Amino acid sequence: MNEDMYRENILDHYKKPHHRGKMALPSCSGHAINPFCGDDITFYLRMGGKKGVEKVEDASFEGQACAICTASASMLTDEVKGKNAAAARTIGKERVLALLGISPGPTRLKCALLPLKAFKLALYSHLGKMMGEKEKREIEEADEGTAAGQAAGEEAGK
C-alpha cells in the first residue's frame, strides 16, 4: 500500500471508528492521556477463558482524540479481539505503527501509541501483572518524543 492509501485508511478509521463506545460490563479498563495535545483514551476489554489461557473476547474504546490516535485505537481493537492474553501482551510499538502504515514524527508518536498504553494498562490490570521493561521503554520513548516535539515547537515560536 502506498502512503496515500494508508492516510485514507487512517481517515476511514477516524471518521468511522470500529468498536467505539463504553463497553457494558468490561473485565478491565485502562485510561491514558496526552497532556500536550489533549488526547484522552479509555480502553475496555472483556476477557474470557480459564486462568492462564484467557483471551480477549471483546474490546472497545472511548474518548476524545486526534485522527491518528482515534485510528490507532480503532485498529488496535480489531487487532486484539480474539487473541489469547499471551499473544495480546506481545503487541507493541512496531505492530501499532505497522497497522497505521505511517511513520509519525516525534510529536505524533505519542498520539499513535496512546491507545497501546491504555490497552496495556487494561490488560495488565486484569492479569495482575506489571508491564515488562521493554513495554515501559516504548511508552517512555513516546512520552519523551512528545516532550521533545513540544519543546521544539515552543523554541520555533520564539
N, C-alpha and C. Protein backbone atom coordinates (compact mmCIF):
# COMPACT_ATOMS: atom_id res chain seq x y z
N MET A 1 0.85 -1.19 0.00
CA MET A 1 0.00 0.00 0.00
C MET A 1 0.89 1.24 0.00
N ASN A 2 0.51 2.23 -0.80
CA ASN A 2 1.30 3.45 -0.77
C ASN A 2 0.83 4.35 0.38
N GLU A 3 1.59 5.40 0.64
CA GLU A 3 1.33 6.26 1.79
C GLU A 3 -0.04 6.93 1.72
N ASP A 4 -0.49 7.30 0.52
CA ASP A 4 -1.81 7.92 0.38
C ASP A 4 -2.92 6.95 0.81
N MET A 5 -2.74 5.66 0.47
CA MET A 5 -3.73 4.66 0.87
C MET A 5 -3.75 4.50 2.38
N TYR A 6 -2.57 4.55 3.01
CA TYR A 6 -2.51 4.45 4.46
C TYR A 6 -3.20 5.65 5.10
N ARG A 7 -2.96 6.84 4.55
CA ARG A 7 -3.62 8.04 5.08
C ARG A 7 -5.13 7.93 4.95
N GLU A 8 -5.58 7.40 3.82
CA GLU A 8 -7.02 7.20 3.62
C GLU A 8 -7.57 6.22 4.64
N ASN A 9 -6.83 5.16 4.92
CA ASN A 9 -7.24 4.16 5.91
C ASN A 9 -7.34 4.81 7.30
N ILE A 10 -6.38 5.66 7.64
CA ILE A 10 -6.41 6.36 8.92
C ILE A 10 -7.65 7.25 9.00
N LEU A 11 -7.94 7.98 7.93
CA LEU A 11 -9.13 8.84 7.93
C LEU A 11 -10.41 8.03 8.02
N ASP A 12 -10.46 6.87 7.37
CA ASP A 12 -11.63 5.99 7.48
C ASP A 12 -11.86 5.55 8.93
N HIS A 13 -10.78 5.13 9.59
CA HIS A 13 -10.89 4.70 11.00
C HIS A 13 -11.22 5.87 11.92
N TYR A 14 -10.79 7.07 11.55
CA TYR A 14 -11.11 8.25 12.34
C TYR A 14 -12.59 8.63 12.19
N LYS A 15 -13.07 8.61 10.96
CA LYS A 15 -14.45 9.01 10.70
C LYS A 15 -15.46 7.95 11.14
N LYS A 16 -15.08 6.68 10.98
CA LYS A 16 -15.97 5.56 11.35
C LYS A 16 -15.18 4.55 12.17
N PRO A 17 -14.83 4.92 13.40
CA PRO A 17 -14.01 4.02 14.22
C PRO A 17 -14.75 2.73 14.57
N HIS A 18 -14.01 1.65 14.58
CA HIS A 18 -14.55 0.35 14.96
C HIS A 18 -14.56 0.26 16.49
N HIS A 19 -15.60 -0.32 17.03
CA HIS A 19 -15.68 -0.65 18.46
C HIS A 19 -15.55 0.58 19.37
N ARG A 20 -16.09 1.70 18.93
CA ARG A 20 -16.04 2.91 19.75
C ARG A 20 -17.24 2.93 20.68
N GLY A 21 -17.00 3.21 21.93
CA GLY A 21 -18.07 3.33 22.92
C GLY A 21 -17.73 2.56 24.17
N LYS A 22 -18.32 2.99 25.25
CA LYS A 22 -18.07 2.32 26.53
C LYS A 22 -18.70 0.94 26.50
N MET A 23 -17.93 -0.04 26.92
CA MET A 23 -18.39 -1.42 26.94
C MET A 23 -19.22 -1.67 28.20
N ALA A 24 -20.32 -2.38 28.03
CA ALA A 24 -21.10 -2.80 29.19
C ALA A 24 -20.37 -3.97 29.85
N LEU A 25 -20.16 -3.88 31.12
CA LEU A 25 -19.54 -4.94 31.92
C LEU A 25 -18.17 -5.41 31.42
N PRO A 26 -17.23 -4.49 31.27
CA PRO A 26 -15.88 -4.94 30.87
C PRO A 26 -15.20 -5.68 32.01
N SER A 27 -14.26 -6.52 31.67
CA SER A 27 -13.43 -7.19 32.68
C SER A 27 -12.42 -6.21 33.26
N CYS A 28 -12.00 -5.25 32.43
CA CYS A 28 -10.97 -4.30 32.86
C CYS A 28 -10.97 -3.10 31.91
N SER A 29 -10.31 -2.05 32.37
CA SER A 29 -10.17 -0.87 31.52
C SER A 29 -8.84 -0.20 31.84
N GLY A 30 -8.36 0.58 30.88
CA GLY A 30 -7.12 1.34 31.06
C GLY A 30 -7.33 2.72 30.47
N HIS A 31 -6.79 3.72 31.12
CA HIS A 31 -7.00 5.10 30.71
C HIS A 31 -5.66 5.78 30.51
N ALA A 32 -5.53 6.56 29.42
CA ALA A 32 -4.28 7.27 29.15
C ALA A 32 -4.60 8.64 28.55
N ILE A 33 -3.79 9.62 28.91
CA ILE A 33 -3.97 10.99 28.44
C ILE A 33 -2.64 11.52 27.90
N ASN A 34 -2.72 12.29 26.83
CA ASN A 34 -1.57 13.03 26.32
C ASN A 34 -1.78 14.49 26.70
N PRO A 35 -1.06 14.98 27.71
CA PRO A 35 -1.29 16.35 28.18
C PRO A 35 -0.87 17.42 27.17
N PHE A 36 -0.05 17.06 26.19
CA PHE A 36 0.43 18.05 25.22
C PHE A 36 -0.63 18.40 24.19
N CYS A 37 -1.47 17.42 23.81
CA CYS A 37 -2.47 17.70 22.78
C CYS A 37 -3.90 17.50 23.27
N GLY A 38 -4.05 16.86 24.42
CA GLY A 38 -5.38 16.65 24.97
C GLY A 38 -6.03 15.33 24.60
N ASP A 39 -5.34 14.47 23.86
CA ASP A 39 -5.90 13.14 23.57
C ASP A 39 -6.18 12.43 24.88
N ASP A 40 -7.34 11.78 24.95
CA ASP A 40 -7.81 11.14 26.18
C ASP A 40 -8.54 9.87 25.77
N ILE A 41 -7.96 8.71 26.07
CA ILE A 41 -8.50 7.43 25.61
C ILE A 41 -8.68 6.48 26.80
N THR A 42 -9.83 5.81 26.81
CA THR A 42 -10.07 4.70 27.75
C THR A 42 -10.32 3.46 26.90
N PHE A 43 -9.60 2.41 27.23
CA PHE A 43 -9.68 1.14 26.50
C PHE A 43 -10.38 0.13 27.40
N TYR A 44 -11.35 -0.60 26.87
CA TYR A 44 -12.10 -1.60 27.63
C TYR A 44 -11.87 -2.98 27.04
N LEU A 45 -11.73 -3.97 27.91
CA LEU A 45 -11.56 -5.36 27.48
C LEU A 45 -12.53 -6.26 28.22
N ARG A 46 -13.08 -7.23 27.49
CA ARG A 46 -13.83 -8.31 28.13
C ARG A 46 -13.01 -9.58 27.87
N MET A 47 -12.57 -10.15 28.96
CA MET A 47 -11.73 -11.34 28.89
C MET A 47 -12.57 -12.59 29.15
N GLY A 48 -12.18 -13.70 28.54
CA GLY A 48 -12.87 -14.96 28.74
C GLY A 48 -11.88 -16.10 28.80
N GLY A 49 -12.36 -17.26 29.13
CA GLY A 49 -11.48 -18.43 29.20
C GLY A 49 -11.00 -18.67 30.61
N LYS A 50 -10.24 -19.74 30.75
CA LYS A 50 -9.72 -20.12 32.06
C LYS A 50 -8.46 -19.34 32.39
N LYS A 51 -8.21 -19.20 33.67
CA LYS A 51 -6.99 -18.53 34.15
C LYS A 51 -5.78 -19.20 33.50
N GLY A 52 -4.92 -18.40 32.92
CA GLY A 52 -3.72 -18.91 32.26
C GLY A 52 -3.90 -19.10 30.77
N VAL A 53 -5.13 -19.25 30.31
CA VAL A 53 -5.41 -19.37 28.87
C VAL A 53 -6.53 -18.41 28.47
N GLU A 54 -6.55 -17.28 29.11
CA GLU A 54 -7.58 -16.29 28.82
C GLU A 54 -7.38 -15.67 27.44
N LYS A 55 -8.48 -15.16 26.90
CA LYS A 55 -8.39 -14.46 25.63
C LYS A 55 -9.26 -13.21 25.68
N VAL A 56 -8.96 -12.29 24.77
CA VAL A 56 -9.72 -11.06 24.64
C VAL A 56 -10.97 -11.39 23.83
N GLU A 57 -12.12 -11.42 24.50
CA GLU A 57 -13.37 -11.72 23.80
C GLU A 57 -13.92 -10.49 23.10
N ASP A 58 -13.71 -9.31 23.70
CA ASP A 58 -14.21 -8.09 23.10
C ASP A 58 -13.32 -6.92 23.53
N ALA A 59 -13.29 -5.89 22.72
CA ALA A 59 -12.50 -4.70 23.02
C ALA A 59 -13.24 -3.48 22.48
N SER A 60 -13.15 -2.39 23.21
CA SER A 60 -13.72 -1.13 22.74
C SER A 60 -12.93 0.01 23.36
N PHE A 61 -13.21 1.23 22.88
CA PHE A 61 -12.55 2.40 23.43
C PHE A 61 -13.50 3.58 23.38
N GLU A 62 -13.21 4.57 24.19
CA GLU A 62 -13.94 5.83 24.12
C GLU A 62 -12.98 6.95 24.47
N GLY A 63 -13.36 8.14 24.08
CA GLY A 63 -12.55 9.30 24.41
C GLY A 63 -12.52 10.31 23.28
N GLN A 64 -11.83 11.39 23.55
CA GLN A 64 -11.64 12.46 22.57
C GLN A 64 -10.17 12.43 22.14
N ALA A 65 -9.95 12.36 20.84
CA ALA A 65 -8.57 12.25 20.35
C ALA A 65 -8.47 12.69 18.90
N CYS A 66 -7.24 12.95 18.49
CA CYS A 66 -6.96 13.34 17.11
C CYS A 66 -7.16 12.15 16.17
N ALA A 67 -7.01 12.40 14.88
CA ALA A 67 -7.23 11.36 13.87
C ALA A 67 -6.28 10.17 14.05
N ILE A 68 -5.01 10.44 14.28
CA ILE A 68 -4.05 9.34 14.41
C ILE A 68 -4.35 8.50 15.65
N CYS A 69 -4.64 9.15 16.76
CA CYS A 69 -4.93 8.43 18.00
C CYS A 69 -6.23 7.62 17.87
N THR A 70 -7.25 8.22 17.31
CA THR A 70 -8.53 7.51 17.14
C THR A 70 -8.37 6.33 16.19
N ALA A 71 -7.67 6.54 15.07
CA ALA A 71 -7.45 5.45 14.12
C ALA A 71 -6.64 4.33 14.76
N SER A 72 -5.63 4.69 15.52
CA SER A 72 -4.81 3.70 16.21
C SER A 72 -5.67 2.87 17.18
N ALA A 73 -6.53 3.54 17.94
CA ALA A 73 -7.41 2.83 18.88
C ALA A 73 -8.36 1.89 18.13
N SER A 74 -8.93 2.37 17.03
CA SER A 74 -9.84 1.57 16.24
C SER A 74 -9.15 0.32 15.68
N MET A 75 -7.97 0.53 15.11
CA MET A 75 -7.22 -0.60 14.55
C MET A 75 -6.77 -1.57 15.64
N LEU A 76 -6.42 -1.03 16.78
CA LEU A 76 -5.97 -1.88 17.89
C LEU A 76 -7.10 -2.75 18.42
N THR A 77 -8.33 -2.21 18.47
CA THR A 77 -9.44 -3.06 18.91
C THR A 77 -9.63 -4.23 17.95
N ASP A 78 -9.51 -3.96 16.65
CA ASP A 78 -9.62 -5.04 15.66
C ASP A 78 -8.50 -6.07 15.88
N GLU A 79 -7.32 -5.57 16.15
CA GLU A 79 -6.13 -6.43 16.29
C GLU A 79 -6.21 -7.35 17.50
N VAL A 80 -6.72 -6.87 18.62
CA VAL A 80 -6.65 -7.65 19.86
C VAL A 80 -7.83 -8.60 20.04
N LYS A 81 -8.95 -8.32 19.41
CA LYS A 81 -10.13 -9.18 19.59
C LYS A 81 -9.82 -10.61 19.15
N GLY A 82 -10.10 -11.56 20.05
CA GLY A 82 -9.90 -12.97 19.74
C GLY A 82 -8.51 -13.49 20.08
N LYS A 83 -7.59 -12.61 20.42
CA LYS A 83 -6.22 -13.05 20.75
C LYS A 83 -6.19 -13.57 22.19
N ASN A 84 -5.34 -14.58 22.41
CA ASN A 84 -5.16 -15.00 23.80
C ASN A 84 -4.30 -13.96 24.52
N ALA A 85 -4.36 -13.98 25.82
CA ALA A 85 -3.68 -12.94 26.61
C ALA A 85 -2.18 -12.91 26.32
N ALA A 86 -1.56 -14.08 26.15
CA ALA A 86 -0.12 -14.12 25.89
C ALA A 86 0.20 -13.44 24.55
N ALA A 87 -0.59 -13.69 23.53
CA ALA A 87 -0.35 -13.06 22.23
C ALA A 87 -0.64 -11.56 22.30
N ALA A 88 -1.69 -11.18 23.02
CA ALA A 88 -2.04 -9.77 23.15
C ALA A 88 -0.93 -8.99 23.86
N ARG A 89 -0.27 -9.64 24.81
CA ARG A 89 0.83 -8.98 25.54
C ARG A 89 1.99 -8.64 24.62
N THR A 90 2.15 -9.36 23.52
CA THR A 90 3.30 -9.12 22.63
C THR A 90 3.08 -7.97 21.66
N ILE A 91 1.86 -7.48 21.56
CA ILE A 91 1.59 -6.36 20.65
C ILE A 91 2.32 -5.13 21.20
N GLY A 92 3.12 -4.52 20.36
CA GLY A 92 3.92 -3.39 20.81
C GLY A 92 3.93 -2.26 19.79
N LYS A 93 4.85 -1.37 20.02
CA LYS A 93 5.00 -0.15 19.22
C LYS A 93 5.10 -0.46 17.72
N GLU A 94 5.96 -1.40 17.36
CA GLU A 94 6.18 -1.71 15.94
C GLU A 94 4.91 -2.21 15.27
N ARG A 95 4.13 -3.02 15.99
CA ARG A 95 2.88 -3.54 15.40
C ARG A 95 1.87 -2.42 15.19
N VAL A 96 1.75 -1.52 16.17
CA VAL A 96 0.81 -0.40 16.04
C VAL A 96 1.21 0.49 14.87
N LEU A 97 2.49 0.79 14.75
CA LEU A 97 2.95 1.62 13.63
C LEU A 97 2.73 0.91 12.29
N ALA A 98 2.89 -0.42 12.27
CA ALA A 98 2.63 -1.19 11.05
C ALA A 98 1.15 -1.13 10.68
N LEU A 99 0.28 -1.21 11.67
CA LEU A 99 -1.15 -1.12 11.40
C LEU A 99 -1.50 0.24 10.79
N LEU A 100 -0.91 1.30 11.34
CA LEU A 100 -1.17 2.64 10.84
C LEU A 100 -0.57 2.84 9.45
N GLY A 101 0.57 2.20 9.20
CA GLY A 101 1.21 2.29 7.89
C GLY A 101 1.95 3.58 7.65
N ILE A 102 2.19 4.34 8.68
CA ILE A 102 2.94 5.59 8.55
C ILE A 102 4.01 5.63 9.63
N SER A 103 4.96 6.50 9.44
CA SER A 103 5.98 6.72 10.45
C SER A 103 5.77 8.14 10.99
N PRO A 104 5.01 8.25 12.08
CA PRO A 104 4.75 9.60 12.60
C PRO A 104 6.02 10.22 13.16
N GLY A 105 6.10 11.53 13.07
CA GLY A 105 7.24 12.22 13.66
C GLY A 105 7.18 12.12 15.18
N PRO A 106 8.20 12.64 15.85
CA PRO A 106 8.27 12.51 17.30
C PRO A 106 7.06 13.11 18.03
N THR A 107 6.51 14.19 17.50
CA THR A 107 5.37 14.83 18.15
C THR A 107 4.12 13.97 18.06
N ARG A 108 3.93 13.28 16.94
CA ARG A 108 2.72 12.47 16.74
C ARG A 108 2.87 11.02 17.20
N LEU A 109 4.08 10.62 17.56
CA LEU A 109 4.30 9.25 18.03
C LEU A 109 3.46 8.96 19.26
N LYS A 110 3.39 9.90 20.18
CA LYS A 110 2.59 9.71 21.39
C LYS A 110 1.12 9.52 21.02
N CYS A 111 0.64 10.26 20.02
CA CYS A 111 -0.75 10.12 19.56
C CYS A 111 -1.00 8.69 19.07
N ALA A 112 -0.06 8.18 18.30
CA ALA A 112 -0.20 6.84 17.73
C ALA A 112 -0.14 5.75 18.79
N LEU A 113 0.66 5.97 19.84
CA LEU A 113 0.88 4.92 20.84
C LEU A 113 0.02 5.06 22.10
N LEU A 114 -0.71 6.15 22.24
CA LEU A 114 -1.54 6.32 23.44
C LEU A 114 -2.56 5.19 23.60
N PRO A 115 -3.25 4.76 22.53
CA PRO A 115 -4.16 3.62 22.69
C PRO A 115 -3.45 2.34 23.14
N LEU A 116 -2.22 2.14 22.68
CA LEU A 116 -1.45 0.97 23.12
C LEU A 116 -1.21 1.04 24.62
N LYS A 117 -0.88 2.22 25.11
CA LYS A 117 -0.66 2.38 26.54
C LYS A 117 -1.94 2.06 27.31
N ALA A 118 -3.08 2.60 26.87
CA ALA A 118 -4.36 2.34 27.55
C ALA A 118 -4.71 0.85 27.49
N PHE A 119 -4.47 0.22 26.32
CA PHE A 119 -4.72 -1.21 26.18
C PHE A 119 -3.87 -2.02 27.15
N LYS A 120 -2.57 -1.71 27.19
CA LYS A 120 -1.67 -2.47 28.07
C LYS A 120 -2.04 -2.28 29.54
N LEU A 121 -2.41 -1.06 29.92
CA LEU A 121 -2.84 -0.82 31.29
C LEU A 121 -4.07 -1.67 31.63
N ALA A 122 -5.00 -1.76 30.70
CA ALA A 122 -6.19 -2.59 30.92
C ALA A 122 -5.82 -4.06 31.04
N LEU A 123 -5.07 -4.55 30.08
CA LEU A 123 -4.70 -5.97 30.06
C LEU A 123 -3.92 -6.36 31.31
N TYR A 124 -2.92 -5.57 31.65
CA TYR A 124 -2.08 -5.92 32.80
C TYR A 124 -2.84 -5.78 34.11
N SER A 125 -3.79 -4.84 34.19
CA SER A 125 -4.58 -4.74 35.42
C SER A 125 -5.42 -6.00 35.59
N HIS A 126 -5.94 -6.54 34.48
CA HIS A 126 -6.72 -7.77 34.55
C HIS A 126 -5.85 -8.97 34.93
N LEU A 127 -4.69 -9.03 34.34
CA LEU A 127 -3.80 -10.17 34.60
C LEU A 127 -3.10 -10.07 35.95
N GLY A 128 -3.17 -8.89 36.55
CA GLY A 128 -2.50 -8.70 37.84
C GLY A 128 -0.99 -8.70 37.69
N LYS A 129 -0.51 -8.22 36.56
CA LYS A 129 0.93 -8.20 36.29
C LYS A 129 1.37 -6.78 36.00
N MET A 130 2.66 -6.57 36.04
CA MET A 130 3.26 -5.29 35.70
C MET A 130 3.79 -5.39 34.28
N MET A 131 3.85 -4.25 33.60
CA MET A 131 4.43 -4.21 32.26
C MET A 131 5.91 -4.54 32.34
N GLY A 132 6.39 -5.20 31.31
CA GLY A 132 7.81 -5.50 31.22
C GLY A 132 8.62 -4.26 30.91
N GLU A 133 9.92 -4.35 31.07
CA GLU A 133 10.81 -3.21 30.83
C GLU A 133 10.75 -2.72 29.39
N LYS A 134 10.66 -3.65 28.43
CA LYS A 134 10.59 -3.26 27.02
C LYS A 134 9.34 -2.43 26.76
N GLU A 135 8.21 -2.86 27.30
CA GLU A 135 6.95 -2.13 27.10
C GLU A 135 7.01 -0.77 27.77
N LYS A 136 7.56 -0.71 28.95
CA LYS A 136 7.71 0.58 29.64
C LYS A 136 8.58 1.53 28.83
N ARG A 137 9.67 1.00 28.26
CA ARG A 137 10.57 1.83 27.44
C ARG A 137 9.86 2.38 26.22
N GLU A 138 9.06 1.53 25.55
CA GLU A 138 8.32 2.00 24.36
C GLU A 138 7.42 3.18 24.71
N ILE A 139 6.73 3.08 25.82
CA ILE A 139 5.83 4.15 26.24
C ILE A 139 6.61 5.38 26.67
N GLU A 140 7.71 5.18 27.38
CA GLU A 140 8.55 6.30 27.80
C GLU A 140 9.15 7.01 26.59
N GLU A 141 9.57 6.24 25.56
CA GLU A 141 10.11 6.84 24.34
C GLU A 141 9.07 7.73 23.69
N ALA A 142 7.83 7.28 23.66
CA ALA A 142 6.76 8.09 23.08
C ALA A 142 6.56 9.36 23.90
N ASP A 143 6.59 9.23 25.22
CA ASP A 143 6.46 10.40 26.09
C ASP A 143 7.59 11.38 25.85
N GLU A 144 8.82 10.86 25.73
CA GLU A 144 9.99 11.72 25.50
C GLU A 144 9.90 12.40 24.14
N GLY A 145 9.44 11.66 23.13
CA GLY A 145 9.29 12.23 21.79
C GLY A 145 8.30 13.37 21.79
N THR A 146 7.22 13.22 22.53
CA THR A 146 6.22 14.28 22.62
C THR A 146 6.80 15.50 23.31
N ALA A 147 7.53 15.30 24.39
CA ALA A 147 8.13 16.42 25.11
C ALA A 147 9.15 17.13 24.22
N ALA A 148 9.95 16.36 23.47
CA ALA A 148 10.95 16.96 22.58
C ALA A 148 10.27 17.75 21.47
N GLY A 149 9.21 17.18 20.89
CA GLY A 149 8.47 17.87 19.84
C GLY A 149 7.83 19.14 20.36
N GLN A 150 7.27 19.08 21.57
CA GLN A 150 6.65 20.25 22.18
C GLN A 150 7.70 21.34 22.41
N ALA A 151 8.85 20.95 22.94
CA ALA A 151 9.92 21.92 23.21
C ALA A 151 10.41 22.56 21.91
N ALA A 152 10.53 21.75 20.84
CA ALA A 152 10.98 22.29 19.55
C ALA A 152 9.96 23.28 19.01
N GLY A 153 8.68 22.97 19.17
CA GLY A 153 7.63 23.87 18.71
C GLY A 153 7.65 25.19 19.49
N GLU A 154 7.87 25.10 20.79
CA GLU A 154 7.93 26.31 21.62
C GLU A 154 9.14 27.14 21.23
N GLU A 155 10.27 26.47 20.97
CA GLU A 155 11.50 27.18 20.59
C GLU A 155 11.32 27.87 19.25
N ALA A 156 10.64 27.20 18.30
CA ALA A 156 10.42 27.78 16.98
C ALA A 156 9.49 28.99 17.05
N GLY A 157 8.60 29.00 18.06
CA GLY A 157 7.65 30.09 18.20
C GLY A 157 8.25 31.35 18.81
N LYS A 158 9.46 31.27 19.30
CA LYS A 158 10.11 32.44 19.93
C LYS A 158 10.58 33.44 18.91
